[in-house]
Amino acid sequence: MSGRRVLRGKAAQLPIGPEARGGPAPARGANRVSRGGAIRSPRAPLGGLGLLRHIGCGQEAPKGSAHAYGAVGAGCVPMDWERRLRARLAARRAPKKSEQELKDEEMELFTKYYMEWKGGKKSDNVSYANIPRFYYRLPAEDEILLQKLREESRAVFLQRKSRELLDNEELQNLWFLLDKHQTSPMIGEEAMINYENFLKVGEKAGPKCKQFFTAKIFAKLLHNDPYGRISIMQFFNYVMRKVWLHQTRIGLSLYDVAGQGYLRESDLENYILELIPTLPQLDGLEKSFYSFYVCTAVRKFFFFLDPLRTGKIKIQDILACSFLDDLLELRDEELSKESQETNWFSAPSALRVYGQYLNLDKDHNGMLSKEELSRYGTGTLTNIFLDRVFQECLTYDGEMDYKTYLDFVLALENRKEPAALQYIFKLLDIENKGHLNVFSLNYFFRAIQEQMKIHGQEPVSFQDVKDEIFDMVKPKDPYKISLQDLINSSQGDTVTSILIDLNGFWTYENREVLVASDNDNAADVDDT
């Protein structure tokens, strides 16, 4: 009776009979009443589930059954009670979900209903599962086997890439084929080749050369030739340059411990240290000086190629700049003295910089104090500027080591370069606002005025100097100068010299006299 009473309450809400569904009455014998008044379908399981199936279908119940008591009008919609009950029972039997699983399910349902609400159907192609893997975890320090496997696989890969490059014999064969297929007439002594012969050489040169014999490369080297030809020498130099770049990239990649396309400071130090024996111009260096030479060479790479001081530089950036060319220029045994003096990586240059450092170090403790650094160059750097150097740069107990000194020298010797201007600008920006205002300029120029008084010169008005600086730079904002303004003006070296160095200010102030003197000297040379 209890089950019957429950069903009466539920059945009161459901449409019963053909009138409710608008259909014909069921055939006699289609349903039968079991003990207790429940309706059984011939194809349905016994019990309340079969009963509810018939209730949901709206079939007519026998008189006196639970259906008869709960029959209502035709206003209700039939519902699939069997499916709902099965889902309910399955949910009760299922193990309790964790909090994370519930959150994931909630997010999945939210995404589903949100996409339906937006009217878009989620495509199978746009899925996290279809995004290719782009992150590979590097082996930890204690994962020795994985580290060895990674090193070996990278070595095999680089060896395969190296074998794909042209060797000396193949380059000589390429030159022979180009010379054999040159197209007349010659322009002076320069041999030329047209596109037809260019393709013939490409077919005979072999598979390694195929990448160089394309229409794109031919068009790139084509310059105003009336016969539509290119220079054989220019093309061969192009091939040589490409081969050299690939060889150098492979060589640098061997020192890329992480295998992610960049070199750390220690990686580049190892590369240059092993390169020294192959450079004849460095044969005279003592082995005890090697560590100082390597430090001197590496600092130039990192000063200019790592302005954010991340401690690593891309191999592509190393190949794109001219520093590696300057370093490998030392292979030339007949390199002129003038070239060596202007080459930062040459032995005379490295010895000059290191010698200056030793001369400044009066107490011979291997470090430079502010007083010792004040004698750098002509000894005319202002005290305020030197104070800022020791405030902003890395020091040890208030003294500067050789590596920090190298950054200082590179900045002052290359004031036209953006990296050097960035270094000096940081020192001039005393308020750390990213720009120089009138207060900053006056703060540094007062030290110049004080030095002029010490040397018996009449100080120059700051207002005049300030106006000249703003006229030279022409900043976007008329009241402040940014680093980019200095770089864009091409006057950054002059402006910084005026503010930090008495000798630099004197040179600027007497520029007209110096130009006239240079012209007179040039005229005297012409007369002789």
Protein backbone atom coordinates (compact mmCIF):
# COMPACT_ATOMS: atom_id res chain seq x y z
CA MET A 1 0.00 0.00 0.00
CA SER A 2 2.88 2.34 0.71
CA GLY A 3 4.19 2.01 -2.81
CA ARG A 4 0.69 2.56 -4.13
CA ARG A 5 0.23 5.73 -2.11
CA VAL A 6 3.50 7.13 -3.44
CA LEU A 7 2.52 6.42 -6.98
CA ARG A 8 -0.82 8.07 -6.50
CA GLY A 9 0.90 11.31 -5.59
CA LYS A 10 3.20 11.18 -8.60
CA ALA A 11 0.55 9.93 -10.99
CA ALA A 12 -1.69 12.82 -10.10
CA GLN A 13 0.67 15.03 -12.09
CA LEU A 14 0.82 12.82 -15.19
CA PRO A 15 -1.57 12.49 -18.19
CA ILE A 16 -3.30 9.10 -18.26
CA GLY A 17 -5.36 7.53 -20.97
CA PRO A 18 -5.89 8.10 -24.66
CA GLU A 19 -7.82 11.33 -24.08
CA ALA A 20 -4.70 12.89 -22.61
CA ARG A 21 -2.48 11.84 -25.48
CA GLY A 22 -5.03 12.34 -28.19
CA GLY A 23 -4.55 8.77 -29.38
CA PRO A 24 -6.74 5.62 -29.57
CA ALA A 25 -7.29 3.33 -26.59
CA PRO A 26 -4.94 0.35 -26.31
CA ALA A 27 -6.07 -3.07 -27.47
CA ARG A 28 -7.64 -5.43 -24.97
CA GLY A 29 -5.11 -7.58 -23.22
CA ALA A 30 -2.24 -5.29 -24.04
CA ASN A 31 -1.73 -4.67 -20.34
CA ARG A 32 -2.64 -6.78 -17.35
CA VAL A 33 -2.98 -5.99 -13.71
CA SER A 34 -0.72 -7.80 -11.28
CA ARG A 35 -1.28 -8.34 -7.59
CA GLY A 36 -1.37 -5.04 -5.85
CA GLY A 37 -2.87 -3.23 -8.82
CA ALA A 38 0.37 -2.50 -10.76
CA ILE A 39 0.26 -2.63 -14.54
CA ARG A 40 2.64 -5.00 -16.28
CA SER A 41 3.56 -4.74 -19.93
CA PRO A 42 4.22 -8.02 -21.73
CA ARG A 43 7.64 -6.68 -22.78
CA ALA A 44 8.47 -4.70 -19.64
CA PRO A 45 10.23 -5.90 -16.48
CA LEU A 46 8.11 -6.49 -13.38
CA GLY A 47 7.69 -3.85 -10.72
CA GLY A 48 7.35 -0.10 -10.59
CA LEU A 49 9.70 0.50 -13.57
CA GLY A 50 7.24 -1.05 -16.00
CA LEU A 51 4.44 0.85 -14.36
CA LEU A 52 6.23 4.15 -14.79
CA ARG A 53 6.99 3.33 -18.39
CA HIS A 54 3.25 3.05 -19.06
CA ILE A 55 2.52 6.14 -17.07
CA GLY A 56 5.08 8.04 -19.12
CA CYS A 57 3.54 6.68 -22.29
CA GLY A 58 0.11 7.80 -21.18
CA GLN A 59 -1.63 4.40 -21.59
CA GLU A 60 -5.01 3.83 -19.97
CA ALA A 61 -4.92 2.14 -16.55
CA PRO A 62 -7.48 -0.40 -15.39
CA LYS A 63 -10.15 0.73 -13.06
CA GLY A 64 -9.13 0.75 -9.42
CA SER A 65 -5.41 0.69 -10.12
CA ALA A 66 -2.90 3.28 -9.03
CA HIS A 67 -3.16 4.81 -12.48
CA ALA A 68 -6.83 5.35 -12.17
CA TYR A 69 -6.44 7.30 -8.97
CA GLY A 70 -3.73 9.50 -10.46
CA ALA A 71 -5.26 10.17 -13.86
CA VAL A 72 -5.33 13.84 -14.85
CA GLY A 73 -6.12 15.89 -17.91
CA ALA A 74 -4.17 16.32 -21.12
CA GLY A 75 -2.23 19.46 -20.15
CA CYS A 76 1.00 17.72 -19.00
CA VAL A 77 3.98 16.61 -21.08
CA PRO A 78 5.06 12.93 -20.90
CA MET A 79 8.56 12.39 -19.39
CA ASP A 80 11.07 9.56 -19.69
CA TRP A 81 10.99 8.41 -16.08
CA GLU A 82 12.80 5.16 -16.80
CA ARG A 83 15.89 6.96 -18.10
CA ARG A 84 15.87 9.35 -15.17
CA LEU A 85 15.54 6.60 -12.61
CA ARG A 86 18.34 4.60 -14.20
CA ALA A 87 20.59 7.68 -14.12
CA ARG A 88 19.62 8.30 -10.49
CA LEU A 89 20.42 4.73 -9.48
CA ALA A 90 23.71 4.80 -11.38
CA ALA A 91 24.67 8.04 -9.66
CA ARG A 92 24.00 6.49 -6.25
CA ARG A 93 26.13 3.46 -7.04
CA ALA A 94 29.04 5.53 -8.50
CA PRO A 95 31.92 6.37 -6.12
CA LYS A 96 31.92 9.87 -4.68
CA LYS A 97 33.82 12.32 -6.90
CA SER A 98 36.70 14.36 -5.58
CA GLU A 99 36.54 18.14 -5.36
CA GLN A 100 38.85 18.50 -8.36
CA GLU A 101 36.71 16.14 -10.46
CA LEU A 102 33.61 18.13 -9.56
CA LYS A 103 35.35 21.35 -10.59
CA ASP A 104 36.44 19.80 -13.90
CA GLU A 105 32.92 18.56 -14.56
CA GLU A 106 31.51 21.97 -13.71
CA MET A 107 33.96 23.65 -16.10
CA GLU A 108 33.13 21.16 -18.85
CA LEU A 109 29.40 21.80 -18.45
CA PHE A 110 29.97 25.54 -18.33
CA THR A 111 31.99 25.41 -21.56
CA LYS A 112 29.36 23.24 -23.24
CA TYR A 113 26.41 25.45 -22.31
CA TYR A 114 28.34 28.64 -22.98
CA MET A 115 29.19 27.48 -26.50
CA GLU A 116 25.56 26.51 -27.08
CA TRP A 117 24.44 29.88 -25.79
CA LYS A 118 26.89 31.66 -28.09
CA GLY A 119 25.44 29.67 -30.98
CA GLY A 120 28.74 28.11 -31.97
CA LYS A 121 29.59 24.48 -32.06
CA LYS A 122 32.96 23.56 -30.69
CA SER A 123 35.08 22.18 -33.48
CA ASP A 124 37.07 19.04 -32.95
CA ASN A 125 40.08 20.70 -34.57
CA VAL A 126 40.18 23.52 -32.03
CA SER A 127 41.18 21.51 -29.01
CA TYR A 128 44.01 21.41 -26.53
CA ALA A 129 44.56 17.81 -27.57
CA ASN A 130 45.48 18.94 -31.10
CA ILE A 131 48.05 21.57 -30.05
CA PRO A 132 51.52 20.13 -30.74
CA ARG A 133 53.89 19.81 -27.83
CA PHE A 134 56.19 22.81 -27.60
CA TYR A 135 57.80 22.47 -24.17
CA TYR A 136 60.33 19.80 -23.29
CA ARG A 137 61.63 19.72 -19.75
CA LEU A 138 65.39 19.80 -19.45
CA PRO A 139 66.95 16.95 -17.46
CA ALA A 140 67.67 17.79 -13.83
CA GLU A 141 71.21 17.74 -12.46
CA ASP A 142 70.68 14.35 -10.84
CA GLU A 143 69.26 12.79 -14.03
CA ILE A 144 72.66 11.77 -15.37
CA LEU A 145 71.36 9.23 -17.88
CA LEU A 146 68.91 11.70 -19.44
CA GLN A 147 71.64 14.33 -19.68
CA LYS A 148 73.98 11.92 -21.45
CA LEU A 149 71.21 10.83 -23.81
CA ARG A 150 70.42 14.45 -24.65
CA GLU A 151 74.08 15.27 -25.28
CA GLU A 152 74.60 12.24 -27.51
CA SER A 153 71.45 12.86 -29.54
CA ARG A 154 72.42 16.53 -30.07
CA ALA A 155 75.94 15.51 -31.10
CA VAL A 156 74.56 13.04 -33.66
CA PHE A 157 72.17 15.69 -34.99
CA LEU A 158 74.94 18.28 -35.37
CA GLN A 159 77.22 15.75 -37.06
CA ARG A 160 74.49 14.98 -39.58
CA LYS A 161 74.02 18.69 -40.26
CA SER A 162 77.77 19.09 -40.67
CA ARG A 163 77.90 16.32 -43.28
CA GLU A 164 75.24 18.16 -45.29
CA LEU A 165 77.59 21.13 -45.80
CA LEU A 166 79.98 21.56 -48.71
CA ASP A 167 83.58 20.62 -47.97
CA ASN A 168 86.67 22.20 -49.57
CA GLU A 169 86.80 19.71 -52.43
CA GLU A 170 83.14 20.28 -53.29
CA LEU A 171 83.63 24.04 -53.19
CA GLN A 172 86.57 23.77 -55.58
CA ASN A 173 84.45 21.63 -57.91
CA LEU A 174 81.68 24.25 -57.78
CA TRP A 175 84.12 27.00 -58.72
CA PHE A 176 85.40 24.91 -61.62
CA LEU A 177 81.84 24.37 -62.94
CA LEU A 178 80.97 28.06 -62.62
CA ASP A 179 84.11 29.09 -64.46
CA LYS A 180 83.41 26.53 -67.19
CA HIS A 181 79.85 27.82 -67.77
CA GLN A 182 80.52 31.55 -67.69
CA THR A 183 78.55 33.64 -70.18
CA SER A 184 80.27 36.13 -72.46
CA PRO A 185 80.93 38.99 -72.77
CA MET A 186 82.95 39.65 -69.62
CA ILE A 187 82.66 42.97 -67.79
CA GLY A 188 86.28 43.97 -67.35
CA GLU A 189 87.89 41.00 -65.64
CA GLU A 190 84.71 39.82 -63.91
CA ALA A 191 83.17 36.59 -65.19
CA MET A 192 79.37 36.50 -65.52
CA ILE A 193 76.76 33.75 -65.87
CA ASN A 194 73.19 33.83 -67.16
CA TYR A 195 70.21 32.00 -65.69
CA GLU A 196 70.27 29.13 -68.19
CA ASN A 197 73.89 28.23 -67.45
CA PHE A 198 73.23 28.89 -63.78
CA LEU A 199 70.66 26.07 -63.77
CA LYS A 200 73.02 23.76 -65.69
CA VAL A 201 75.69 24.22 -63.05
CA GLY A 202 73.10 23.48 -60.37
CA GLU A 203 72.26 20.14 -62.00
CA LYS A 204 75.91 19.11 -62.24
CA ALA A 205 77.07 20.39 -58.85
CA GLY A 206 75.28 17.72 -56.83
CA PRO A 207 72.48 17.55 -54.26
CA LYS A 208 74.33 19.56 -51.60
CA CYS A 209 74.42 22.60 -53.89
CA LYS A 210 70.76 22.42 -54.90
CA GLN A 211 69.70 24.92 -52.22
CA PHE A 212 71.88 27.65 -53.76
CA PHE A 213 70.63 27.35 -57.35
CA THR A 214 67.20 28.92 -57.04
CA ALA A 215 65.51 31.74 -58.91
CA LYS A 216 65.28 33.71 -55.67
CA ILE A 217 69.04 33.72 -55.10
CA PHE A 218 69.73 34.54 -58.76
CA ALA A 219 67.34 37.51 -58.58
CA LYS A 220 68.92 38.66 -55.32
CA LEU A 221 72.36 38.85 -56.97
CA LEU A 222 71.13 40.42 -60.21
CA HIS A 223 72.37 44.02 -60.61
CA ASN A 224 71.69 46.13 -63.71
CA ASP A 225 73.44 43.77 -66.11
CA PRO A 226 72.15 44.46 -69.66
CA TYR A 227 72.25 40.71 -70.43
CA GLY A 228 70.48 39.60 -67.24
CA ARG A 229 73.53 37.91 -65.73
CA ILE A 230 75.08 37.74 -62.29
CA SER A 231 78.70 37.86 -61.19
CA ILE A 232 80.25 34.42 -60.68
CA MET A 233 82.52 35.78 -57.96
CA GLN A 234 79.63 37.36 -56.06
CA PHE A 235 77.64 34.13 -56.24
CA PHE A 236 80.60 32.03 -55.08
CA ASN A 237 81.26 34.43 -52.19
CA TYR A 238 77.58 34.13 -51.27
CA VAL A 239 77.87 30.33 -51.15
CA MET A 240 81.08 30.54 -49.14
CA ARG A 241 79.46 32.91 -46.65
CA LYS A 242 76.44 30.64 -46.21
CA VAL A 243 78.61 27.58 -45.68
CA TRP A 244 80.74 29.46 -43.16
CA LEU A 245 77.67 30.65 -41.24
CA HIS A 246 76.29 27.12 -41.02
CA GLN A 247 79.66 25.72 -39.96
CA THR A 248 80.02 28.40 -37.29
CA ARG A 249 76.49 27.84 -36.05
CA ILE A 250 77.16 24.13 -35.69
CA GLY A 251 80.43 24.91 -33.90
CA LEU A 252 78.71 27.27 -31.46
CA SER A 253 75.83 24.84 -30.93
CA LEU A 254 78.29 22.26 -29.63
CA TYR A 255 78.81 24.57 -26.63
CA ASP A 256 75.08 25.14 -26.12
CA VAL A 257 74.67 22.92 -23.07
CA ALA A 258 70.94 23.57 -22.73
CA GLY A 259 70.36 23.00 -26.45
CA GLN A 260 67.94 25.93 -26.66
CA GLY A 261 69.77 28.19 -29.11
CA TYR A 262 71.68 30.47 -26.75
CA LEU A 263 75.05 30.55 -24.99
CA ARG A 264 75.71 31.42 -21.39
CA GLU A 265 78.82 33.30 -20.37
CA SER A 266 80.65 30.10 -19.41
CA ASP A 267 79.68 28.48 -22.74
CA LEU A 268 81.15 31.35 -24.76
CA GLU A 269 84.27 31.37 -22.59
CA ASN A 270 84.86 27.69 -23.40
CA TYR A 271 84.33 28.37 -27.12
CA ILE A 272 86.87 31.23 -27.25
CA LEU A 273 89.36 29.39 -25.05
CA GLU A 274 89.42 26.45 -27.47
CA LEU A 275 89.55 28.86 -30.43
CA ILE A 276 92.75 30.62 -29.27
CA PRO A 277 95.21 27.96 -30.61
CA THR A 278 93.68 28.34 -34.11
CA LEU A 279 94.35 32.12 -34.25
CA PRO A 280 97.96 32.86 -35.33
CA GLN A 281 97.74 36.48 -34.18
CA LEU A 282 97.38 35.25 -30.58
CA ASP A 283 100.42 32.98 -30.64
CA GLY A 284 102.40 35.51 -28.61
CA LEU A 285 100.03 35.43 -25.63
CA GLU A 286 101.25 33.67 -22.52
CA LYS A 287 98.98 30.94 -21.21
CA SER A 288 98.79 32.72 -17.86
CA PHE A 289 97.05 35.60 -19.67
CA TYR A 290 94.47 33.36 -21.39
CA SER A 291 91.83 33.79 -18.66
CA PHE A 292 92.09 37.60 -18.84
CA TYR A 293 91.98 37.53 -22.64
CA VAL A 294 88.88 35.30 -22.65
CA CYS A 295 87.17 37.60 -20.14
CA THR A 296 88.05 40.64 -22.28
CA ALA A 297 86.68 39.02 -25.44
CA VAL A 298 83.50 37.63 -23.86
CA ARG A 299 82.56 40.96 -22.25
CA LYS A 300 82.25 42.64 -25.64
CA PHE A 301 79.74 40.02 -26.79
CA PHE A 302 77.65 40.30 -23.64
CA PHE A 303 77.88 44.09 -23.29
CA PHE A 304 76.41 44.70 -26.75
CA LEU A 305 74.26 41.59 -27.30
CA ASP A 306 72.79 41.24 -23.80
CA PRO A 307 71.68 44.76 -22.84
CA LEU A 308 69.11 43.42 -20.34
CA ARG A 309 71.86 41.44 -18.57
CA THR A 310 70.05 38.10 -18.75
CA GLY A 311 73.35 36.20 -18.75
CA LYS A 312 72.79 34.56 -22.13
CA ILE A 313 72.82 35.57 -25.80
CA LYS A 314 71.25 33.96 -28.84
CA ILE A 315 73.51 32.12 -31.27
CA GLN A 316 71.66 33.89 -34.09
CA ASP A 317 72.64 37.28 -32.62
CA ILE A 318 76.28 36.20 -32.44
CA LEU A 319 76.20 35.21 -36.11
CA ALA A 320 74.40 38.39 -37.16
CA CYS A 321 76.87 40.82 -35.58
CA SER A 322 80.41 41.51 -36.79
CA PHE A 323 82.19 40.50 -33.58
CA LEU A 324 82.81 36.93 -34.69
CA ASP A 325 84.26 38.23 -37.97
CA ASP A 326 86.63 40.46 -36.00
CA LEU A 327 87.66 37.54 -33.82
CA LEU A 328 88.24 35.16 -36.73
CA GLU A 329 90.13 37.91 -38.58
CA LEU A 330 93.02 37.02 -36.27
CA ARG A 331 93.56 33.91 -38.40
CA ASP A 332 95.23 36.19 -40.94
CA GLU A 333 98.97 35.98 -40.29
CA GLU A 334 99.57 39.18 -42.28
CA LEU A 335 97.06 41.37 -40.44
CA SER A 336 98.25 44.98 -40.44
CA LYS A 337 99.24 46.80 -37.27
CA GLU A 338 96.46 49.37 -37.76
CA SER A 339 93.84 46.61 -37.99
CA GLN A 340 95.15 45.01 -34.81
CA GLU A 341 94.98 48.29 -32.90
CA THR A 342 91.32 48.84 -33.85
CA ASN A 343 90.31 45.21 -33.27
CA TRP A 344 89.11 44.71 -29.69
CA PHE A 345 89.99 40.99 -29.85
CA SER A 346 93.61 41.44 -30.95
CA ALA A 347 96.48 40.77 -28.56
CA PRO A 348 97.68 44.44 -28.52
CA SER A 349 94.17 45.67 -27.69
CA ALA A 350 93.63 43.13 -24.89
CA LEU A 351 97.05 43.90 -23.42
CA ARG A 352 96.36 47.66 -23.62
CA VAL A 353 93.07 47.37 -21.67
CA TYR A 354 94.55 45.04 -19.07
CA GLY A 355 97.65 47.23 -18.75
CA GLN A 356 95.47 50.28 -18.06
CA TYR A 357 93.68 48.36 -15.34
CA LEU A 358 96.96 47.39 -13.67
CA ASN A 359 98.25 50.98 -13.87
CA LEU A 360 95.11 52.31 -12.19
CA ASP A 361 95.34 49.72 -9.41
CA LYS A 362 97.83 51.58 -7.20
CA ASP A 363 97.38 49.40 -4.12
CA HIS A 364 97.73 46.21 -6.22
CA ASN A 365 94.76 44.46 -4.64
CA GLY A 366 93.27 43.55 -8.03
CA MET A 367 90.35 45.97 -7.60
CA LEU A 368 89.75 49.65 -8.39
CA SER A 369 88.45 52.19 -5.92
CA LYS A 370 86.68 55.39 -6.95
CA GLU A 371 89.86 57.38 -6.40
CA GLU A 372 91.86 54.98 -8.58
CA LEU A 373 89.24 55.03 -11.36
CA SER A 374 89.22 58.84 -11.35
CA ARG A 375 92.59 58.75 -13.16
CA TYR A 376 91.07 56.86 -16.11
CA GLY A 377 91.84 58.36 -19.52
CA THR A 378 92.71 62.03 -19.23
CA GLY A 379 91.56 62.10 -15.60
CA THR A 380 88.80 64.61 -16.32
CA LEU A 381 85.70 62.54 -15.48
CA THR A 382 83.60 64.35 -12.88
CA ASN A 383 83.31 63.09 -9.31
CA ILE A 384 79.52 63.09 -9.52
CA PHE A 385 79.61 60.77 -12.53
CA LEU A 386 82.09 58.44 -10.80
CA ASP A 387 79.81 58.38 -7.74
CA ARG A 388 76.98 57.20 -9.97
CA VAL A 389 79.21 54.51 -11.50
CA PHE A 390 79.90 52.99 -8.08
CA GLN A 391 76.25 53.36 -7.06
CA GLU A 392 74.79 51.57 -10.07
CA CYS A 393 77.47 49.06 -11.12
CA LEU A 394 78.35 45.82 -9.39
CA THR A 395 81.13 46.36 -6.86
CA TYR A 396 82.78 44.37 -4.09
CA ASP A 397 83.17 46.29 -0.83
CA GLY A 398 82.94 49.52 -2.81
CA GLU A 399 85.60 48.51 -5.36
CA MET A 400 85.36 47.51 -9.02
CA ASP A 401 86.65 44.23 -10.45
CA TYR A 402 88.09 43.67 -13.93
CA LYS A 403 84.82 42.48 -15.49
CA THR A 404 82.93 45.58 -14.34
CA TYR A 405 85.84 47.72 -15.51
CA LEU A 406 85.54 46.20 -18.99
CA ASP A 407 81.88 47.27 -19.21
CA PHE A 408 82.94 50.78 -18.15
CA VAL A 409 85.64 50.93 -20.85
CA LEU A 410 83.35 49.55 -23.56
CA ALA A 411 80.72 52.18 -22.73
CA LEU A 412 83.13 55.14 -22.81
CA GLU A 413 84.99 53.98 -25.93
CA ASN A 414 81.79 53.35 -27.93
CA ARG A 415 79.55 56.26 -26.95
CA LYS A 416 77.83 56.32 -30.32
CA GLU A 417 76.47 52.78 -29.87
CA PRO A 418 72.96 52.26 -28.38
CA ALA A 419 74.23 49.77 -25.78
CA ALA A 420 76.86 52.25 -24.57
CA LEU A 421 74.32 55.08 -24.46
CA GLN A 422 72.00 52.84 -22.45
CA TYR A 423 74.80 52.22 -19.94
CA ILE A 424 75.59 55.94 -19.53
CA PHE A 425 71.93 57.00 -19.61
CA LYS A 426 71.21 54.76 -16.62
CA LEU A 427 73.92 56.62 -14.69
CA LEU A 428 72.59 60.04 -15.71
CA ASP A 429 68.99 59.16 -14.80
CA ILE A 430 69.41 59.89 -11.09
CA GLU A 431 65.65 59.85 -10.42
CA ASN A 432 65.09 56.54 -12.25
CA LYS A 433 62.25 58.05 -14.27
CA GLY A 434 63.42 56.87 -17.68
CA HIS A 435 64.20 60.39 -18.88
CA LEU A 436 66.52 63.34 -18.25
CA ASN A 437 64.96 66.62 -17.21
CA VAL A 438 66.48 70.03 -16.50
CA PHE A 439 67.25 69.02 -12.91
CA SER A 440 69.28 65.97 -14.05
CA LEU A 441 71.24 68.00 -16.59
CA ASN A 442 72.00 70.73 -14.06
CA TYR A 443 73.03 68.14 -11.43
CA PHE A 444 75.81 66.79 -13.65
CA PHE A 445 76.81 70.06 -15.32
CA ARG A 446 77.50 71.73 -11.97
CA ALA A 447 80.44 69.33 -11.57
CA ILE A 448 81.76 70.50 -14.96
CA GLN A 449 81.47 74.13 -13.81
CA GLU A 450 83.38 73.32 -10.60
CA GLN A 451 86.20 71.67 -12.56
CA MET A 452 86.40 74.71 -14.84
CA LYS A 453 86.90 76.94 -11.78
CA ILE A 454 89.64 74.63 -10.48
CA HIS A 455 91.47 74.91 -13.82
CA GLY A 456 91.12 78.70 -13.87
CA GLN A 457 88.47 78.83 -16.58
CA GLU A 458 85.36 80.96 -16.48
CA PRO A 459 82.28 78.73 -16.00
CA VAL A 460 79.76 78.60 -18.82
CA SER A 461 76.11 79.40 -18.11
CA PHE A 462 74.00 76.27 -17.62
CA GLN A 463 71.03 77.85 -19.39
CA ASP A 464 73.06 78.19 -22.59
CA VAL A 465 74.28 74.59 -22.40
CA LYS A 466 70.79 73.30 -21.60
CA ASP A 467 69.31 75.06 -24.64
CA GLU A 468 72.06 73.68 -26.88
CA ILE A 469 71.49 70.13 -25.62
CA PHE A 470 67.73 70.29 -26.26
CA ASP A 471 68.39 71.82 -29.70
CA MET A 472 70.77 68.98 -30.58
CA VAL A 473 68.53 66.17 -29.35
CA LYS A 474 65.14 67.59 -30.40
CA PRO A 475 63.19 65.31 -28.01
CA LYS A 476 59.54 64.46 -28.55
CA ASP A 477 58.72 66.02 -25.20
CA PRO A 478 60.28 69.51 -25.03
CA TYR A 479 60.84 69.19 -21.27
CA LYS A 480 62.61 65.82 -21.02
CA ILE A 481 65.00 63.62 -22.98
CA SER A 482 64.53 59.86 -23.26
CA LEU A 483 67.12 57.26 -24.21
CA GLN A 484 65.43 56.78 -27.56
CA ASP A 485 65.64 60.54 -28.17
CA LEU A 486 69.40 60.38 -27.62
CA ILE A 487 69.78 57.43 -29.98
CA ASN A 488 67.59 58.95 -32.70
CA SER A 489 69.41 62.29 -32.58
CA SER A 490 72.84 60.73 -33.34
CA GLN A 491 74.20 63.26 -30.83
CA GLY A 492 74.23 60.99 -27.80
CA ASP A 493 78.02 60.81 -27.63
CA THR A 494 78.34 64.60 -27.66
CA VAL A 495 75.63 65.15 -25.04
CA THR A 496 77.05 62.58 -22.64
CA SER A 497 80.58 63.94 -23.07
CA ILE A 498 79.36 67.45 -22.18
CA LEU A 499 77.82 66.18 -18.94
CA ILE A 500 80.43 63.75 -17.58
CA ASP A 501 83.87 64.75 -18.89
CA LEU A 502 85.55 68.16 -18.69
CA ASN A 503 87.76 67.29 -21.64
CA GLY A 504 84.68 66.29 -23.65
CA PHE A 505 82.95 69.57 -22.80
CA TRP A 506 86.06 71.57 -23.70
CA THR A 507 86.26 69.76 -27.06
CA TYR A 508 82.63 70.63 -27.78
CA GLU A 509 83.00 74.23 -26.64
CA ASN A 510 86.06 74.81 -28.86
CA ARG A 511 84.88 72.72 -31.82
CA GLU A 512 85.07 75.65 -34.26
CA VAL A 513 88.67 76.42 -33.29
CA LEU A 514 89.62 72.75 -33.59
CA VAL A 515 88.02 72.46 -37.05
CA ALA A 516 89.91 75.55 -38.25
CA SER A 517 93.15 74.13 -36.86
CA ASP A 518 92.57 70.82 -38.64
CA ASN A 519 91.93 72.65 -41.92
CA ASP A 520 95.17 74.64 -41.52
CA ASN A 521 97.14 71.46 -40.88
CA ALA A 522 95.60 69.82 -43.94
CA ALA A 523 96.53 72.84 -46.07
CA ASP A 524 100.13 72.68 -44.81
CA VAL A 525 100.33 69.02 -45.78
CA ASP A 526 99.03 69.80 -49.27
CA ASP A 527 101.63 72.56 -49.72
CA THR A 528 104.45 70.22 -48.84
